[in-house]
Amino acid sequence: MNNAFILTKPHEKYFPAIQSYKQDFLDSGDELGHGDCALQHIDDLSAWLSYNRALENHENAESSWTAFDQYLYVRQSDGCVVGMINYRRADNDAQLADYAGNMGYAVRPSERRKGYAKAMLKACLNQCFERGIDDIVIACDKSNDASKRLIMACGGVFERFSVEDADAERYILKSQRT
């Protein structure tokens, strides 16, 4: 990867790139939904951005899941959103604690198999670890070999199968701080 990338919160200036990201999934027939904070259900990007900002606050998140931080992974040379990732800040919800974990992520179909998922996940993990968060839980379907390899490549260690969903595996990623 010769391009520089940034991990950034969504902003209006990225609306064309976000729409292109969404369209890439639609054109490929692939499913949105991992790490994009309901982008598949919200057509108005201003509403999607407002929804993201509202859910950064714990008081607004109770009716949903938990408070979280949504990020775009943007290639600086052309402004392309190559991926999205979110960090779910608490595991006070049973589904989050057992199945979903603290992070969800996806790379647009046309940009896969280029190392972007690993770079994006590492950037988000580093940001969490710098904030003093020492343990991150990431879950994936046990049939998703690519996601399992990615999680383990970033330091994830298998913890257990989900109690709620026997097809889900939980991995723990620990900060390397001493």
N, C-alpha and C. Protein backbone atom coordinates (compact mmCIF):
# COMPACT_ATOMS: atom_id res chain seq x y z
N MET A 1 0.84 -1.19 0.00
CA MET A 1 0.00 0.00 0.00
C MET A 1 0.88 1.24 0.00
N ASN A 2 0.90 1.92 -1.10
CA ASN A 2 1.71 3.13 -1.21
C ASN A 2 0.94 4.38 -0.83
N ASN A 3 -0.35 4.27 -0.71
CA ASN A 3 -1.18 5.43 -0.38
C ASN A 3 -1.24 5.67 1.11
N ALA A 4 -1.40 6.91 1.50
CA ALA A 4 -1.62 7.24 2.90
C ALA A 4 -3.12 7.17 3.18
N PHE A 5 -3.45 6.72 4.36
CA PHE A 5 -4.84 6.58 4.77
C PHE A 5 -5.07 7.30 6.08
N ILE A 6 -6.32 7.69 6.30
CA ILE A 6 -6.69 8.26 7.58
C ILE A 6 -7.91 7.52 8.10
N LEU A 7 -7.95 7.38 9.41
CA LEU A 7 -9.12 6.88 10.12
C LEU A 7 -9.81 8.11 10.68
N THR A 8 -11.01 8.39 10.21
CA THR A 8 -11.66 9.64 10.55
C THR A 8 -13.15 9.44 10.80
N LYS A 9 -13.71 10.31 11.59
CA LYS A 9 -15.16 10.29 11.81
C LYS A 9 -15.85 10.73 10.53
N PRO A 10 -17.06 10.22 10.29
CA PRO A 10 -17.81 10.66 9.11
C PRO A 10 -18.07 12.17 9.16
N HIS A 11 -18.10 12.77 7.99
CA HIS A 11 -18.32 14.21 7.86
C HIS A 11 -19.00 14.45 6.52
N GLU A 12 -19.70 15.57 6.42
CA GLU A 12 -20.41 15.91 5.18
C GLU A 12 -19.49 15.91 3.96
N LYS A 13 -18.25 16.30 4.15
CA LYS A 13 -17.33 16.37 3.01
C LYS A 13 -17.09 15.00 2.39
N TYR A 14 -17.39 13.93 3.12
CA TYR A 14 -17.20 12.57 2.60
C TYR A 14 -18.48 11.97 2.02
N PHE A 15 -19.57 12.73 1.96
CA PHE A 15 -20.83 12.17 1.46
C PHE A 15 -20.71 11.51 0.09
N PRO A 16 -20.07 12.14 -0.91
CA PRO A 16 -19.95 11.44 -2.20
C PRO A 16 -19.18 10.12 -2.08
N ALA A 17 -18.14 10.11 -1.27
CA ALA A 17 -17.34 8.89 -1.09
C ALA A 17 -18.12 7.83 -0.32
N ILE A 18 -18.94 8.25 0.65
CA ILE A 18 -19.77 7.31 1.39
C ILE A 18 -20.83 6.71 0.48
N GLN A 19 -21.43 7.55 -0.36
CA GLN A 19 -22.43 7.05 -1.31
C GLN A 19 -21.79 6.06 -2.28
N SER A 20 -20.58 6.34 -2.73
CA SER A 20 -19.86 5.44 -3.62
C SER A 20 -19.56 4.12 -2.91
N TYR A 21 -19.18 4.18 -1.64
CA TYR A 21 -18.93 2.99 -0.82
C TYR A 21 -20.18 2.13 -0.78
N LYS A 22 -21.30 2.76 -0.48
CA LYS A 22 -22.57 2.03 -0.40
C LYS A 22 -22.93 1.42 -1.76
N GLN A 23 -22.75 2.20 -2.82
CA GLN A 23 -23.09 1.72 -4.16
C GLN A 23 -22.22 0.53 -4.56
N ASP A 24 -20.97 0.53 -4.14
CA ASP A 24 -20.07 -0.59 -4.42
C ASP A 24 -20.65 -1.90 -3.87
N PHE A 25 -21.18 -1.84 -2.66
CA PHE A 25 -21.81 -3.03 -2.07
C PHE A 25 -23.06 -3.42 -2.85
N LEU A 26 -23.89 -2.44 -3.19
CA LEU A 26 -25.12 -2.74 -3.92
C LEU A 26 -24.80 -3.33 -5.30
N ASP A 27 -23.83 -2.77 -5.99
CA ASP A 27 -23.45 -3.26 -7.33
C ASP A 27 -22.90 -4.67 -7.29
N SER A 28 -22.20 -5.01 -6.21
CA SER A 28 -21.58 -6.33 -6.11
C SER A 28 -22.55 -7.39 -5.61
N GLY A 29 -23.69 -6.93 -5.08
CA GLY A 29 -24.65 -7.86 -4.49
C GLY A 29 -24.25 -8.29 -3.09
N ASP A 30 -23.20 -7.67 -2.57
CA ASP A 30 -22.73 -7.97 -1.22
C ASP A 30 -23.59 -7.22 -0.21
N GLU A 31 -23.54 -7.66 1.01
CA GLU A 31 -24.38 -7.10 2.06
C GLU A 31 -23.63 -6.05 2.87
N LEU A 32 -24.27 -4.91 3.05
CA LEU A 32 -23.77 -3.89 3.98
C LEU A 32 -24.11 -4.35 5.39
N GLY A 33 -23.59 -3.67 6.37
CA GLY A 33 -24.06 -3.93 7.72
C GLY A 33 -22.99 -4.16 8.76
N HIS A 34 -21.78 -4.45 8.36
CA HIS A 34 -20.73 -4.66 9.35
C HIS A 34 -19.87 -3.41 9.45
N GLY A 35 -20.03 -2.70 10.54
CA GLY A 35 -19.20 -1.52 10.76
C GLY A 35 -19.69 -0.25 10.13
N ASP A 36 -20.90 -0.24 9.57
CA ASP A 36 -21.35 0.97 8.88
C ASP A 36 -22.52 1.67 9.55
N CYS A 37 -22.88 1.28 10.74
CA CYS A 37 -23.94 1.95 11.50
C CYS A 37 -25.21 2.19 10.69
N ALA A 38 -25.82 1.11 10.25
CA ALA A 38 -27.14 1.17 9.59
C ALA A 38 -27.14 1.89 8.25
N LEU A 39 -26.01 2.02 7.60
CA LEU A 39 -25.96 2.68 6.30
C LEU A 39 -26.90 2.02 5.30
N GLN A 40 -27.07 0.71 5.41
CA GLN A 40 -27.94 0.01 4.48
C GLN A 40 -29.40 0.38 4.66
N HIS A 41 -29.77 0.92 5.81
CA HIS A 41 -31.17 1.25 6.10
C HIS A 41 -31.50 2.73 5.98
N ILE A 42 -30.49 3.57 5.83
CA ILE A 42 -30.71 5.01 5.81
C ILE A 42 -30.19 5.57 4.49
N ASP A 43 -31.11 6.09 3.66
CA ASP A 43 -30.72 6.62 2.36
C ASP A 43 -30.22 8.06 2.42
N ASP A 44 -30.71 8.83 3.38
CA ASP A 44 -30.32 10.23 3.52
C ASP A 44 -29.03 10.29 4.34
N LEU A 45 -27.93 10.66 3.71
CA LEU A 45 -26.65 10.66 4.42
C LEU A 45 -26.59 11.67 5.55
N SER A 46 -27.33 12.77 5.45
CA SER A 46 -27.38 13.72 6.56
C SER A 46 -28.04 13.07 7.77
N ALA A 47 -29.09 12.31 7.54
CA ALA A 47 -29.76 11.58 8.62
C ALA A 47 -28.83 10.51 9.18
N TRP A 48 -28.08 9.83 8.31
CA TRP A 48 -27.14 8.81 8.77
C TRP A 48 -26.06 9.44 9.64
N LEU A 49 -25.55 10.59 9.23
CA LEU A 49 -24.53 11.27 10.01
C LEU A 49 -25.09 11.69 11.37
N SER A 50 -26.29 12.22 11.39
CA SER A 50 -26.93 12.62 12.66
C SER A 50 -27.12 11.42 13.57
N TYR A 51 -27.54 10.31 12.98
CA TYR A 51 -27.72 9.07 13.74
C TYR A 51 -26.39 8.64 14.37
N ASN A 52 -25.32 8.68 13.58
CA ASN A 52 -23.99 8.34 14.10
C ASN A 52 -23.61 9.24 15.26
N ARG A 53 -23.79 10.52 15.09
CA ARG A 53 -23.39 11.47 16.14
C ARG A 53 -24.22 11.29 17.40
N ALA A 54 -25.50 11.01 17.23
CA ALA A 54 -26.37 10.79 18.40
C ALA A 54 -25.93 9.57 19.19
N LEU A 55 -25.53 8.53 18.49
CA LEU A 55 -25.18 7.28 19.17
C LEU A 55 -23.79 7.29 19.79
N GLU A 56 -23.08 8.40 19.66
CA GLU A 56 -21.81 8.54 20.38
C GLU A 56 -22.06 8.78 21.87
N ASN A 57 -23.29 9.11 22.21
CA ASN A 57 -23.68 9.44 23.57
C ASN A 57 -24.43 8.27 24.19
N HIS A 58 -24.02 7.83 25.37
CA HIS A 58 -24.66 6.68 26.04
C HIS A 58 -26.16 6.87 26.25
N GLU A 59 -26.59 8.09 26.55
CA GLU A 59 -28.02 8.32 26.79
C GLU A 59 -28.86 8.04 25.54
N ASN A 60 -28.31 8.31 24.38
CA ASN A 60 -29.03 8.08 23.13
C ASN A 60 -28.95 6.64 22.67
N ALA A 61 -28.02 5.90 23.22
CA ALA A 61 -27.77 4.54 22.72
C ALA A 61 -28.59 3.47 23.42
N GLU A 62 -29.23 3.79 24.54
CA GLU A 62 -29.94 2.76 25.29
C GLU A 62 -30.99 2.05 24.46
N SER A 63 -31.70 2.75 23.62
CA SER A 63 -32.74 2.10 22.83
C SER A 63 -32.15 1.32 21.66
N SER A 64 -30.89 1.54 21.38
CA SER A 64 -30.23 0.83 20.29
C SER A 64 -29.39 -0.29 20.92
N TRP A 65 -28.09 -0.15 20.89
CA TRP A 65 -27.20 -1.12 21.52
C TRP A 65 -26.39 -0.45 22.60
N THR A 66 -25.39 0.24 22.16
CA THR A 66 -24.48 0.90 23.09
C THR A 66 -23.86 2.09 22.36
N ALA A 67 -23.27 2.96 23.11
CA ALA A 67 -22.59 4.10 22.48
C ALA A 67 -21.41 3.58 21.67
N PHE A 68 -21.11 4.26 20.58
CA PHE A 68 -20.02 3.81 19.73
C PHE A 68 -19.43 4.98 18.98
N ASP A 69 -18.26 4.73 18.43
CA ASP A 69 -17.58 5.69 17.56
C ASP A 69 -17.49 5.08 16.17
N GLN A 70 -18.04 5.79 15.20
CA GLN A 70 -18.02 5.34 13.80
C GLN A 70 -16.85 6.00 13.09
N TYR A 71 -16.13 5.22 12.28
CA TYR A 71 -15.00 5.74 11.52
C TYR A 71 -15.07 5.33 10.06
N LEU A 72 -14.50 6.17 9.24
CA LEU A 72 -14.25 5.87 7.84
C LEU A 72 -12.76 5.63 7.69
N TYR A 73 -12.39 4.74 6.79
CA TYR A 73 -10.98 4.55 6.45
C TYR A 73 -10.83 5.10 5.04
N VAL A 74 -10.16 6.25 4.94
CA VAL A 74 -10.14 7.03 3.70
C VAL A 74 -8.73 7.06 3.10
N ARG A 75 -8.67 6.73 1.81
CA ARG A 75 -7.42 6.85 1.07
C ARG A 75 -7.26 8.33 0.72
N GLN A 76 -6.19 8.93 1.17
CA GLN A 76 -6.03 10.38 1.01
C GLN A 76 -5.80 10.80 -0.43
N SER A 77 -5.19 9.97 -1.25
CA SER A 77 -4.86 10.38 -2.62
C SER A 77 -6.10 10.68 -3.45
N ASP A 78 -7.19 9.96 -3.21
CA ASP A 78 -8.40 10.17 -4.02
C ASP A 78 -9.67 10.34 -3.19
N GLY A 79 -9.55 10.33 -1.86
CA GLY A 79 -10.71 10.52 -1.00
C GLY A 79 -11.65 9.33 -0.95
N CYS A 80 -11.23 8.18 -1.45
CA CYS A 80 -12.07 6.98 -1.48
C CYS A 80 -12.23 6.41 -0.08
N VAL A 81 -13.48 6.15 0.32
CA VAL A 81 -13.74 5.43 1.56
C VAL A 81 -13.57 3.95 1.22
N VAL A 82 -12.45 3.37 1.66
CA VAL A 82 -12.19 1.97 1.35
C VAL A 82 -12.81 1.04 2.39
N GLY A 83 -13.09 1.57 3.58
CA GLY A 83 -13.70 0.75 4.61
C GLY A 83 -14.36 1.58 5.68
N MET A 84 -15.14 0.89 6.51
CA MET A 84 -15.76 1.51 7.67
C MET A 84 -15.56 0.57 8.85
N ILE A 85 -15.42 1.18 10.02
CA ILE A 85 -15.23 0.42 11.25
C ILE A 85 -15.89 1.20 12.38
N ASN A 86 -16.47 0.48 13.32
CA ASN A 86 -16.95 1.17 14.51
C ASN A 86 -16.48 0.46 15.76
N TYR A 87 -16.27 1.27 16.77
CA TYR A 87 -15.88 0.78 18.09
C TYR A 87 -17.05 0.98 19.02
N ARG A 88 -17.60 -0.11 19.50
CA ARG A 88 -18.72 -0.09 20.45
C ARG A 88 -18.11 -0.01 21.84
N ARG A 89 -18.38 1.11 22.53
CA ARG A 89 -17.61 1.45 23.72
C ARG A 89 -17.95 0.68 24.99
N ALA A 90 -19.05 0.03 25.04
CA ALA A 90 -19.42 -0.69 26.27
C ALA A 90 -20.00 -2.04 25.89
N ASP A 91 -19.90 -2.99 26.79
CA ASP A 91 -20.55 -4.25 26.51
C ASP A 91 -21.60 -4.50 27.59
N ASN A 92 -22.51 -3.53 27.71
CA ASN A 92 -23.58 -3.62 28.68
C ASN A 92 -24.82 -4.29 28.11
N ASP A 93 -24.78 -4.66 26.87
CA ASP A 93 -25.89 -5.33 26.22
C ASP A 93 -25.50 -6.79 26.02
N ALA A 94 -26.41 -7.69 26.30
CA ALA A 94 -26.10 -9.12 26.23
C ALA A 94 -25.63 -9.53 24.84
N GLN A 95 -26.26 -9.02 23.81
CA GLN A 95 -25.86 -9.40 22.46
C GLN A 95 -24.46 -8.88 22.16
N LEU A 96 -24.18 -7.66 22.58
CA LEU A 96 -22.85 -7.10 22.36
C LEU A 96 -21.81 -7.89 23.14
N ALA A 97 -22.12 -8.18 24.40
CA ALA A 97 -21.16 -8.89 25.24
C ALA A 97 -20.91 -10.30 24.74
N ASP A 98 -21.93 -10.95 24.22
CA ASP A 98 -21.76 -12.35 23.83
C ASP A 98 -21.46 -12.55 22.36
N TYR A 99 -22.05 -11.76 21.50
CA TYR A 99 -21.93 -12.05 20.08
C TYR A 99 -21.16 -11.00 19.30
N ALA A 100 -21.61 -9.75 19.34
CA ALA A 100 -21.09 -8.75 18.41
C ALA A 100 -19.70 -8.25 18.76
N GLY A 101 -19.38 -8.17 20.01
CA GLY A 101 -18.08 -7.65 20.39
C GLY A 101 -18.01 -6.14 20.30
N ASN A 102 -16.79 -5.62 20.43
CA ASN A 102 -16.59 -4.18 20.45
C ASN A 102 -16.39 -3.55 19.10
N MET A 103 -16.16 -4.33 18.05
CA MET A 103 -15.89 -3.73 16.74
C MET A 103 -16.62 -4.46 15.63
N GLY A 104 -17.02 -3.66 14.67
CA GLY A 104 -17.55 -4.17 13.42
C GLY A 104 -16.83 -3.45 12.31
N TYR A 105 -16.55 -4.14 11.21
CA TYR A 105 -15.78 -3.52 10.14
C TYR A 105 -16.11 -4.16 8.80
N ALA A 106 -15.84 -3.42 7.75
CA ALA A 106 -16.01 -3.93 6.39
C ALA A 106 -15.14 -3.11 5.44
N VAL A 107 -14.72 -3.76 4.37
CA VAL A 107 -14.00 -3.11 3.28
C VAL A 107 -14.87 -3.23 2.04
N ARG A 108 -14.97 -2.15 1.28
CA ARG A 108 -15.80 -2.18 0.08
C ARG A 108 -15.33 -3.29 -0.86
N PRO A 109 -16.26 -3.95 -1.53
CA PRO A 109 -15.91 -5.11 -2.36
C PRO A 109 -14.80 -4.87 -3.37
N SER A 110 -14.77 -3.73 -4.02
CA SER A 110 -13.76 -3.47 -5.05
C SER A 110 -12.37 -3.22 -4.49
N GLU A 111 -12.24 -3.08 -3.17
CA GLU A 111 -10.94 -2.78 -2.55
C GLU A 111 -10.45 -3.90 -1.64
N ARG A 112 -11.08 -5.06 -1.70
CA ARG A 112 -10.68 -6.17 -0.84
C ARG A 112 -9.41 -6.84 -1.35
N ARG A 113 -8.79 -7.58 -0.43
CA ARG A 113 -7.58 -8.38 -0.71
C ARG A 113 -6.38 -7.48 -1.04
N LYS A 114 -6.37 -6.29 -0.42
CA LYS A 114 -5.25 -5.36 -0.62
C LYS A 114 -4.59 -4.99 0.71
N GLY A 115 -5.02 -5.62 1.80
CA GLY A 115 -4.44 -5.34 3.11
C GLY A 115 -5.12 -4.21 3.86
N TYR A 116 -6.17 -3.64 3.30
CA TYR A 116 -6.82 -2.49 3.93
C TYR A 116 -7.54 -2.86 5.23
N ALA A 117 -8.15 -4.03 5.29
CA ALA A 117 -8.87 -4.43 6.51
C ALA A 117 -7.91 -4.51 7.68
N LYS A 118 -6.76 -5.11 7.46
CA LYS A 118 -5.77 -5.24 8.53
C LYS A 118 -5.27 -3.87 8.97
N ALA A 119 -4.96 -3.01 8.03
CA ALA A 119 -4.46 -1.67 8.37
C ALA A 119 -5.53 -0.87 9.11
N MET A 120 -6.78 -0.97 8.65
CA MET A 120 -7.88 -0.24 9.29
C MET A 120 -8.11 -0.75 10.71
N LEU A 121 -8.15 -2.08 10.87
CA LEU A 121 -8.37 -2.65 12.20
C LEU A 121 -7.24 -2.26 13.14
N LYS A 122 -6.00 -2.34 12.68
CA LYS A 122 -4.87 -1.95 13.53
C LYS A 122 -4.94 -0.48 13.92
N ALA A 123 -5.33 0.38 12.98
CA ALA A 123 -5.44 1.82 13.29
C ALA A 123 -6.50 2.06 14.36
N CYS A 124 -7.63 1.38 14.25
CA CYS A 124 -8.69 1.56 15.24
C CYS A 124 -8.29 0.96 16.59
N LEU A 125 -7.66 -0.21 16.57
CA LEU A 125 -7.18 -0.81 17.82
C LEU A 125 -6.18 0.11 18.51
N ASN A 126 -5.23 0.65 17.75
CA ASN A 126 -4.24 1.54 18.33
C ASN A 126 -4.90 2.75 18.97
N GLN A 127 -5.91 3.28 18.32
CA GLN A 127 -6.62 4.43 18.88
C GLN A 127 -7.28 4.05 20.21
N CYS A 128 -7.89 2.87 20.26
CA CYS A 128 -8.52 2.41 21.50
C CYS A 128 -7.47 2.19 22.59
N PHE A 129 -6.37 1.55 22.24
CA PHE A 129 -5.33 1.28 23.22
C PHE A 129 -4.72 2.58 23.73
N GLU A 130 -4.57 3.58 22.86
CA GLU A 130 -4.04 4.88 23.28
C GLU A 130 -4.99 5.57 24.26
N ARG A 131 -6.27 5.27 24.18
CA ARG A 131 -7.26 5.82 25.13
C ARG A 131 -7.29 5.06 26.44
N GLY A 132 -6.47 4.03 26.56
CA GLY A 132 -6.41 3.27 27.80
C GLY A 132 -7.33 2.06 27.83
N ILE A 133 -7.92 1.70 26.71
CA ILE A 133 -8.77 0.53 26.63
C ILE A 133 -7.85 -0.66 26.37
N ASP A 134 -7.78 -1.59 27.32
CA ASP A 134 -6.79 -2.66 27.23
C ASP A 134 -7.30 -3.93 26.56
N ASP A 135 -8.58 -4.20 26.61
CA ASP A 135 -9.13 -5.42 26.02
C ASP A 135 -10.24 -5.09 25.05
N ILE A 136 -10.14 -5.65 23.86
CA ILE A 136 -11.15 -5.47 22.82
C ILE A 136 -11.66 -6.86 22.44
N VAL A 137 -12.97 -7.00 22.36
CA VAL A 137 -13.58 -8.25 21.92
C VAL A 137 -14.06 -8.06 20.49
N ILE A 138 -13.69 -8.99 19.63
CA ILE A 138 -14.19 -9.00 18.26
C ILE A 138 -14.76 -10.38 17.99
N ALA A 139 -15.94 -10.40 17.41
CA ALA A 139 -16.60 -11.66 17.11
C ALA A 139 -16.75 -11.80 15.60
N CYS A 140 -16.80 -13.05 15.16
CA CYS A 140 -17.06 -13.32 13.76
C CYS A 140 -17.73 -14.68 13.62
N ASP A 141 -18.36 -14.90 12.50
CA ASP A 141 -18.96 -16.21 12.23
C ASP A 141 -17.83 -17.22 12.11
N LYS A 142 -18.05 -18.42 12.66
CA LYS A 142 -16.99 -19.42 12.61
C LYS A 142 -16.67 -19.86 11.19
N SER A 143 -17.57 -19.61 10.24
CA SER A 143 -17.31 -19.96 8.85
C SER A 143 -16.57 -18.86 8.08
N ASN A 144 -16.34 -17.71 8.72
CA ASN A 144 -15.68 -16.59 8.06
C ASN A 144 -14.17 -16.66 8.28
N ASP A 145 -13.52 -17.50 7.49
CA ASP A 145 -12.08 -17.71 7.65
C ASP A 145 -11.28 -16.44 7.44
N ALA A 146 -11.69 -15.59 6.50
CA ALA A 146 -10.94 -14.35 6.24
C ALA A 146 -10.96 -13.45 7.47
N SER A 147 -12.11 -13.32 8.11
CA SER A 147 -12.20 -12.47 9.30
C SER A 147 -11.41 -13.07 10.45
N LYS A 148 -11.47 -14.37 10.61
CA LYS A 148 -10.69 -15.02 11.68
C LYS A 148 -9.19 -14.78 11.47
N ARG A 149 -8.72 -14.94 10.23
CA ARG A 149 -7.29 -14.70 9.94
C ARG A 149 -6.93 -13.25 10.23
N LEU A 150 -7.80 -12.33 9.85
CA LEU A 150 -7.56 -10.91 10.10
C LEU A 150 -7.45 -10.63 11.60
N ILE A 151 -8.41 -11.12 12.36
CA ILE A 151 -8.41 -10.89 13.81
C ILE A 151 -7.14 -11.45 14.44
N MET A 152 -6.77 -12.66 14.07
CA MET A 152 -5.56 -13.28 14.63
C MET A 152 -4.30 -12.55 14.17
N ALA A 153 -4.28 -12.06 12.94
CA ALA A 153 -3.12 -11.31 12.44
C ALA A 153 -2.92 -10.01 13.21
N CYS A 154 -3.99 -9.51 13.79
CA CYS A 154 -3.92 -8.28 14.58
C CYS A 154 -3.74 -8.56 16.08
N GLY A 155 -3.50 -9.82 16.43
CA GLY A 155 -3.22 -10.18 17.81
C GLY A 155 -4.37 -10.82 18.55
N GLY A 156 -5.45 -11.11 17.86
CA GLY A 156 -6.61 -11.72 18.51
C GLY A 156 -6.36 -13.15 18.92
N VAL A 157 -6.85 -13.51 20.09
CA VAL A 157 -6.74 -14.86 20.61
C VAL A 157 -8.16 -15.38 20.83
N PHE A 158 -8.42 -16.58 20.30
CA PHE A 158 -9.74 -17.19 20.47
C PHE A 158 -10.07 -17.29 21.94
N GLU A 159 -11.28 -16.82 22.30
CA GLU A 159 -11.72 -16.90 23.69
C GLU A 159 -12.72 -18.03 23.86
N ARG A 160 -13.80 -17.98 23.06
CA ARG A 160 -14.85 -19.00 23.19
C ARG A 160 -15.87 -18.82 22.09
N PHE A 161 -16.74 -19.81 21.98
CA PHE A 161 -17.88 -19.69 21.09
C PHE A 161 -18.95 -18.88 21.80
N SER A 162 -19.80 -18.21 21.05
CA SER A 162 -20.89 -17.43 21.60
C SER A 162 -21.91 -18.34 22.27
N VAL A 163 -22.45 -17.89 23.38
CA VAL A 163 -23.53 -18.61 24.05
C VAL A 163 -24.82 -18.45 23.26
N GLU A 164 -25.03 -17.26 22.73
CA GLU A 164 -26.27 -16.95 21.99
C GLU A 164 -26.30 -17.53 20.59
N ASP A 165 -25.15 -17.65 19.96
CA ASP A 165 -25.09 -18.07 18.56
C ASP A 165 -23.90 -19.02 18.39
N ALA A 166 -24.20 -20.30 18.25
CA ALA A 166 -23.14 -21.31 18.17
C ALA A 166 -22.26 -21.13 16.93
N ASP A 167 -22.69 -20.32 15.96
CA ASP A 167 -21.90 -20.08 14.77
C ASP A 167 -20.95 -18.89 14.92
N ALA A 168 -20.90 -18.30 16.10
CA ALA A 168 -20.05 -17.12 16.32
C ALA A 168 -18.91 -17.47 17.27
N GLU A 169 -17.76 -16.89 16.96
CA GLU A 169 -16.58 -17.05 17.80
C GLU A 169 -16.17 -15.69 18.33
N ARG A 170 -15.67 -15.67 19.57
CA ARG A 170 -15.20 -14.44 20.20
C ARG A 170 -13.68 -14.49 20.32
N TYR A 171 -13.06 -13.36 20.01
CA TYR A 171 -11.61 -13.22 20.12
C TYR A 171 -11.31 -12.03 21.01
N ILE A 172 -10.24 -12.10 21.77
CA ILE A 172 -9.79 -11.01 22.63
C ILE A 172 -8.49 -10.45 22.05
N LEU A 173 -8.45 -9.13 21.94
CA LEU A 173 -7.22 -8.44 21.54
C LEU A 173 -6.81 -7.58 22.72
N LYS A 174 -5.58 -7.74 23.18
CA LYS A 174 -5.11 -7.04 24.37
C LYS A 174 -4.07 -6.00 23.98
N SER A 175 -4.10 -4.89 24.70
CA SER A 175 -3.10 -3.86 24.51
C SER A 175 -1.73 -4.41 24.88
N GLN A 176 -0.71 -3.96 24.18
CA GLN A 176 0.66 -4.39 24.47
C GLN A 176 1.36 -3.43 25.42
N ARG A 177 0.56 -2.52 26.01
CA ARG A 177 1.16 -1.56 26.95
C ARG A 177 1.69 -2.29 28.17
N THR A 178 2.76 -1.78 28.73
CA THR A 178 3.32 -2.39 29.93
C THR A 178 3.22 -1.45 31.09
